[in-house]
């Protein structure tokens, strides 16, 4: 066992083509997340799958019990891997994630998944605030186009803005190749 946990955040079907809330470059992010997941399984790192459901019949995506809320099969949990349900962007908020990590002596977390501007951001900041050493693998994360006050922001720029905000203060932000070659 190691002191590192891989946290796969919301890699769920609704974020992929044909889903209810499609993200840009989600297939690529999932492919890289799958590579990191395979590496974590080989090295014995703790693996935590975060599964988001929005408990409302009016939810635009991740409706409880829907196919779109299911974890994508390319990163599906295996026996013995933690699966934690959440209802808010921050994976630590009102979940058992903190207790689960603490019970295993985890001090380092690696975060991948979606959405960069929402759950990745919230979970990364919370992890850092809780004292974890955090690594975000940026090309194993995906974003969605955004709009604010009449300004359209393409997903690539949204992703870059959020990764730059996390880099340094909250996390070490690296790409998949560098992450895998450093481990």
Protein backbone atom coordinates (compact mmCIF):
# COMPACT_ATOMS: atom_id res chain seq x y z
CA UNK A 1 0.00 0.00 0.00
CA UNK A 2 1.04 3.55 -0.66
CA UNK A 3 0.12 6.92 0.82
CA UNK A 4 -1.42 8.00 -2.50
CA UNK A 5 -5.01 7.85 -3.69
CA UNK A 6 -6.29 8.32 -7.21
CA UNK A 7 -9.62 10.16 -7.15
CA UNK A 8 -11.64 9.80 -10.37
CA UNK A 9 -14.29 12.52 -10.27
CA UNK A 10 -17.55 12.17 -12.21
CA UNK A 11 -16.36 10.28 -15.27
CA UNK A 12 -19.97 9.50 -16.08
CA UNK A 13 -21.85 8.81 -19.29
CA UNK A 14 -23.81 12.09 -19.42
CA UNK A 15 -20.54 13.94 -20.11
CA UNK A 16 -19.82 11.96 -23.30
CA UNK A 17 -21.21 12.37 -26.82
CA UNK A 18 -24.89 11.46 -26.73
CA UNK A 19 -25.14 12.34 -23.03
CA UNK A 20 -27.21 15.10 -21.49
CA UNK A 21 -24.27 17.47 -20.70
CA UNK A 22 -21.50 16.87 -23.25
CA UNK A 23 -18.00 18.10 -22.43
CA UNK A 24 -15.26 19.03 -24.84
CA UNK A 25 -12.49 16.41 -25.18
CA UNK A 26 -14.15 14.04 -22.71
CA UNK A 27 -13.07 10.95 -24.68
CA UNK A 28 -9.43 12.06 -24.52
CA UNK A 29 -9.69 12.88 -20.82
CA UNK A 30 -11.28 9.49 -20.13
CA UNK A 31 -8.56 7.71 -22.11
CA UNK A 32 -5.86 9.38 -20.04
CA UNK A 33 -7.78 8.72 -16.83
CA UNK A 34 -7.96 5.04 -17.80
CA UNK A 35 -4.17 4.96 -18.25
CA UNK A 36 -3.67 6.55 -14.84
CA UNK A 37 -6.20 4.15 -13.31
CA UNK A 38 -4.32 1.15 -14.76
CA UNK A 39 -1.10 2.53 -13.29
CA UNK A 40 -2.71 3.03 -9.87
CA UNK A 41 -3.95 -0.56 -9.93
CA UNK A 42 -0.43 -1.79 -10.75
CA UNK A 43 1.24 0.27 -8.02
CA UNK A 44 -1.30 -0.44 -5.29
CA UNK A 45 -2.45 3.16 -4.89
CA UNK A 46 -5.85 3.56 -3.30
CA UNK A 47 -8.56 4.14 -5.92
CA UNK A 48 -11.67 6.20 -5.26
CA UNK A 49 -14.43 6.64 -7.85
CA UNK A 50 -16.63 9.66 -7.23
CA UNK A 51 -20.14 9.30 -8.60
CA UNK A 52 -22.33 12.42 -8.79
CA UNK A 53 -26.11 12.40 -8.78
CA UNK A 54 -28.33 15.46 -8.74
CA UNK A 55 -31.34 14.49 -6.62
CA UNK A 56 -34.07 16.19 -8.65
CA UNK A 57 -36.43 15.11 -11.39
CA UNK A 58 -35.60 18.44 -13.04
CA UNK A 59 -31.83 17.83 -13.06
CA UNK A 60 -30.32 18.62 -16.46
CA UNK A 61 -27.98 15.61 -16.12
CA UNK A 62 -26.83 12.93 -13.63
CA UNK A 63 -30.39 12.06 -12.68
CA UNK A 64 -30.43 9.34 -10.01
CA UNK A 65 -30.80 5.88 -11.51
CA UNK A 66 -30.32 7.11 -15.09
CA UNK A 67 -27.93 5.56 -17.58
CA UNK A 68 -26.23 8.95 -17.91
CA UNK A 69 -25.34 8.94 -14.22
CA UNK A 70 -23.43 5.65 -14.57
CA UNK A 71 -19.63 5.65 -14.41
CA UNK A 72 -18.15 5.26 -17.90
CA UNK A 73 -17.13 1.64 -18.59
CA UNK A 74 -13.54 2.63 -19.53
CA UNK A 75 -12.91 3.58 -15.89
CA UNK A 76 -15.43 1.30 -14.19
CA UNK A 77 -14.70 0.35 -10.59
CA UNK A 78 -13.33 -3.08 -9.80
CA UNK A 79 -13.97 -5.10 -6.68
CA UNK A 80 -12.33 -3.49 -3.66
CA UNK A 81 -12.22 0.02 -5.12
CA UNK A 82 -14.13 2.71 -3.26
CA UNK A 83 -17.19 4.28 -4.90
CA UNK A 84 -18.51 7.40 -3.20
CA UNK A 85 -21.77 9.10 -4.08
CA UNK A 86 -21.91 12.88 -3.89
CA UNK A 87 -24.56 15.51 -4.53
CA UNK A 88 -22.41 18.67 -4.60
CA UNK A 89 -19.36 19.74 -6.65
CA UNK A 90 -16.93 19.32 -3.71
CA UNK A 91 -16.30 15.57 -3.40
CA UNK A 92 -15.54 15.99 0.32
CA UNK A 93 -18.75 17.83 1.21
CA UNK A 94 -21.26 15.59 3.01
CA UNK A 95 -19.52 12.41 1.85
CA UNK A 96 -17.28 9.83 3.51
CA UNK A 97 -14.26 10.74 1.31
CA UNK A 98 -12.21 12.40 4.07
CA UNK A 99 -12.79 9.51 6.49
CA UNK A 100 -12.02 6.96 3.77
CA UNK A 101 -8.69 8.62 2.91
CA UNK A 102 -7.74 9.15 6.56
CA UNK A 103 -8.44 5.53 7.45
CA UNK A 104 -5.81 4.46 4.89
CA UNK A 105 -3.17 7.04 5.87
CA UNK A 106 -3.43 8.86 2.55
CA UNK A 107 -1.41 12.08 2.32
CA UNK A 108 -1.24 12.50 -1.47
CA UNK A 109 -4.14 12.63 -3.89
CA UNK A 110 -4.18 12.55 -7.67
CA UNK A 111 -7.31 14.06 -9.19
CA UNK A 112 -8.74 13.40 -12.66
CA UNK A 113 -12.20 13.73 -14.20
CA UNK A 114 -14.80 16.37 -14.84
CA UNK A 115 -15.75 19.19 -15.02
CA UNK A 116 -12.61 21.27 -14.75
CA UNK A 117 -14.56 24.41 -13.87
CA UNK A 118 -16.78 22.82 -11.28
CA UNK A 119 -16.09 19.52 -9.50
CA UNK A 120 -12.37 19.31 -10.28
CA UNK A 121 -11.87 22.86 -9.04
CA UNK A 122 -13.99 22.37 -5.89
CA UNK A 123 -12.48 19.00 -5.01
CA UNK A 124 -8.89 20.14 -5.61
CA UNK A 125 -9.26 23.23 -3.45
CA UNK A 126 -10.93 21.24 -0.68
CA UNK A 127 -8.21 18.58 -0.75
CA UNK A 128 -5.49 21.21 -0.48
CA UNK A 129 -7.35 22.98 2.33
CA UNK A 130 -7.55 19.66 4.18
CA UNK A 131 -3.76 19.30 3.95
CA UNK A 132 -3.35 16.80 1.13
CA UNK A 133 -0.55 17.12 -1.38
CA UNK A 134 -2.58 17.37 -4.59
CA UNK A 135 -1.71 16.53 -8.18
CA UNK A 136 -4.15 17.26 -10.99
CA UNK A 137 -3.54 15.55 -14.34
CA UNK A 138 -4.90 18.25 -16.61
CA UNK A 139 -5.32 16.21 -19.79
CA UNK A 140 -7.29 13.64 -17.83
CA UNK A 141 -9.85 16.37 -17.05
CA UNK A 142 -12.47 17.97 -19.29
CA UNK A 143 -14.44 21.20 -19.41
CA UNK A 144 -17.50 22.63 -21.06
CA UNK A 145 -18.04 25.88 -22.92
CA UNK A 146 -19.19 28.62 -20.57
CA UNK A 147 -20.87 31.99 -20.79
CA UNK A 148 -20.83 34.94 -18.44
CA UNK A 149 -22.41 38.33 -18.89
CA UNK A 150 -22.77 37.83 -22.61
CA UNK A 151 -19.21 36.60 -23.11
CA UNK A 152 -18.87 33.11 -24.58
CA UNK A 153 -15.80 31.22 -23.35
CA UNK A 154 -14.70 28.11 -25.29
CA UNK A 155 -14.05 24.97 -23.25
CA UNK A 156 -10.30 25.01 -23.93
CA UNK A 157 -10.03 28.48 -22.43
CA UNK A 158 -12.28 27.57 -19.50
CA UNK A 159 -10.08 24.53 -18.82
CA UNK A 160 -6.85 26.56 -19.08
CA UNK A 161 -8.17 29.27 -16.77
CA UNK A 162 -9.12 26.78 -14.09
CA UNK A 163 -5.92 24.75 -14.37
CA UNK A 164 -3.86 27.94 -14.11
CA UNK A 165 -5.79 28.93 -10.99
CA UNK A 166 -5.13 25.57 -9.35
CA UNK A 167 -1.49 25.30 -10.43
CA UNK A 168 1.00 26.09 -7.71
CA UNK A 169 -1.20 27.24 -4.84
CA UNK A 170 -3.58 24.30 -4.72
CA UNK A 171 -1.94 21.57 -6.78
CA UNK A 172 0.83 20.42 -8.98
CA UNK A 173 -0.75 20.37 -12.43
CA UNK A 174 0.85 17.99 -14.93
CA UNK A 175 -0.01 16.14 -18.14
CA UNK A 176 -0.55 12.41 -18.32
CA UNK A 177 2.80 11.57 -19.94
CA UNK A 178 4.82 13.46 -17.34
CA UNK A 179 2.73 12.06 -14.52
CA UNK A 180 3.24 8.45 -15.63
CA UNK A 181 6.94 8.88 -16.38
CA UNK A 182 7.58 10.39 -12.95
CA UNK A 183 6.04 7.51 -11.02
